[in-house]
């Protein structure tokens, strides 16, 4: 009996872009199927991680931006109050 070769090229393709082996006849090969499942899990994890990190970064940016606006407004209010004291004291 001849030893069956492992389809390493399609297995690597299954990790990088998991949809490729699903569209071919190699999807029946258990070796390719194993690495295609790994590739799908990695892609799903990558997308979820991207969504979470995007949300965190946007939340931090909005917090910093809003803090900067509030600080700027406080500075303007302080300058107006100082100007009023100078005008009133004269």
Protein backbone atom coordinates (compact mmCIF):
# COMPACT_ATOMS: atom_id res chain seq x y z
CA UNK A 1 0.00 0.00 0.00
CA UNK A 2 1.34 3.41 -0.94
CA UNK A 3 1.63 6.01 1.77
CA UNK A 4 -0.75 8.92 1.16
CA UNK A 5 0.98 12.29 0.91
CA UNK A 6 -0.11 15.11 3.14
CA UNK A 7 -1.47 18.07 1.27
CA UNK A 8 0.67 20.67 3.08
CA UNK A 9 0.11 23.40 0.50
CA UNK A 10 -3.64 23.33 0.95
CA UNK A 11 -3.24 23.04 4.73
CA UNK A 12 -1.16 26.22 4.77
CA UNK A 13 -3.76 27.83 2.52
CA UNK A 14 -6.39 26.74 5.03
CA UNK A 15 -4.59 28.59 7.81
CA UNK A 16 -3.98 31.78 5.80
CA UNK A 17 -7.32 31.96 4.00
CA UNK A 18 -9.67 29.24 5.34
CA UNK A 19 -12.29 29.59 2.61
CA UNK A 20 -9.96 28.25 -0.11
CA UNK A 21 -9.93 24.58 1.01
CA UNK A 22 -13.68 24.69 1.60
CA UNK A 23 -14.23 25.46 -2.09
CA UNK A 24 -12.06 22.58 -3.33
CA UNK A 25 -12.16 18.80 -3.13
CA UNK A 26 -9.42 18.87 -0.49
CA UNK A 27 -12.02 19.68 2.18
CA UNK A 28 -12.51 15.93 2.61
CA UNK A 29 -8.87 15.39 3.58
CA UNK A 30 -8.67 15.19 7.41
CA UNK A 31 -5.23 16.85 7.41
CA UNK A 32 -6.51 19.85 5.42
CA UNK A 33 -9.77 19.93 7.42
CA UNK A 34 -7.80 20.15 10.70
CA UNK A 35 -5.77 23.15 9.55
CA UNK A 36 -8.78 24.79 7.92
CA UNK A 37 -10.61 24.64 11.26
CA UNK A 38 -7.56 26.15 12.94
CA UNK A 39 -7.51 28.91 10.35
CA UNK A 40 -11.21 29.66 10.90
CA UNK A 41 -10.70 29.87 14.66
CA UNK A 42 -7.74 32.21 14.18
CA UNK A 43 -9.71 34.43 11.79
CA UNK A 44 -12.70 34.63 14.14
CA UNK A 45 -10.42 35.41 17.09
CA UNK A 46 -8.61 38.04 15.02
CA UNK A 47 -11.87 39.76 14.04
CA UNK A 48 -13.16 39.72 17.62
CA UNK A 49 -9.85 41.09 18.90
CA UNK A 50 -9.93 43.83 16.24
CA UNK A 51 -13.48 44.84 17.26
CA UNK A 52 -12.62 44.92 20.98
CA UNK A 53 -9.37 46.87 20.46
CA UNK A 54 -11.11 49.30 18.10
CA UNK A 55 -13.77 49.93 20.75
CA UNK A 56 -11.16 50.43 23.50
CA UNK A 57 -9.08 52.83 21.40
CA UNK A 58 -12.15 54.86 20.43
CA UNK A 59 -13.26 54.98 24.06
CA UNK A 60 -9.83 56.21 25.17
CA UNK A 61 -9.72 58.77 22.36
CA UNK A 62 -13.17 60.13 23.24
CA UNK A 63 -12.19 60.31 26.92
CA UNK A 64 -8.98 62.20 26.19
CA UNK A 65 -10.66 64.47 23.65
CA UNK A 66 -13.53 65.33 25.99
CA UNK A 67 -11.06 65.97 28.84
CA UNK A 68 -9.13 68.35 26.58
CA UNK A 69 -12.30 70.25 25.66
CA UNK A 70 -13.35 70.56 29.31
CA UNK A 71 -9.86 71.75 30.28
CA UNK A 72 -9.88 74.32 27.50
CA UNK A 73 -13.31 75.60 28.57
CA UNK A 74 -12.15 75.83 32.20
CA UNK A 75 -9.16 77.88 31.07
CA UNK A 76 -11.42 80.24 29.08
CA UNK A 77 -13.77 80.64 32.04
CA UNK A 78 -10.81 81.42 34.31
CA UNK A 79 -9.53 84.03 31.84
CA UNK A 80 -12.98 85.66 31.63
CA UNK A 81 -13.23 85.76 35.43
CA UNK A 82 -9.75 87.32 35.70
CA UNK A 83 -10.66 89.89 33.04
CA UNK A 84 -13.88 90.73 34.90
CA UNK A 85 -11.96 91.23 38.18
CA UNK A 86 -9.52 93.53 36.42
CA UNK A 87 -12.33 95.55 34.83
CA UNK A 88 -14.35 95.75 38.06
CA UNK A 89 -11.35 96.68 40.24
CA UNK A 90 -10.44 99.71 38.10
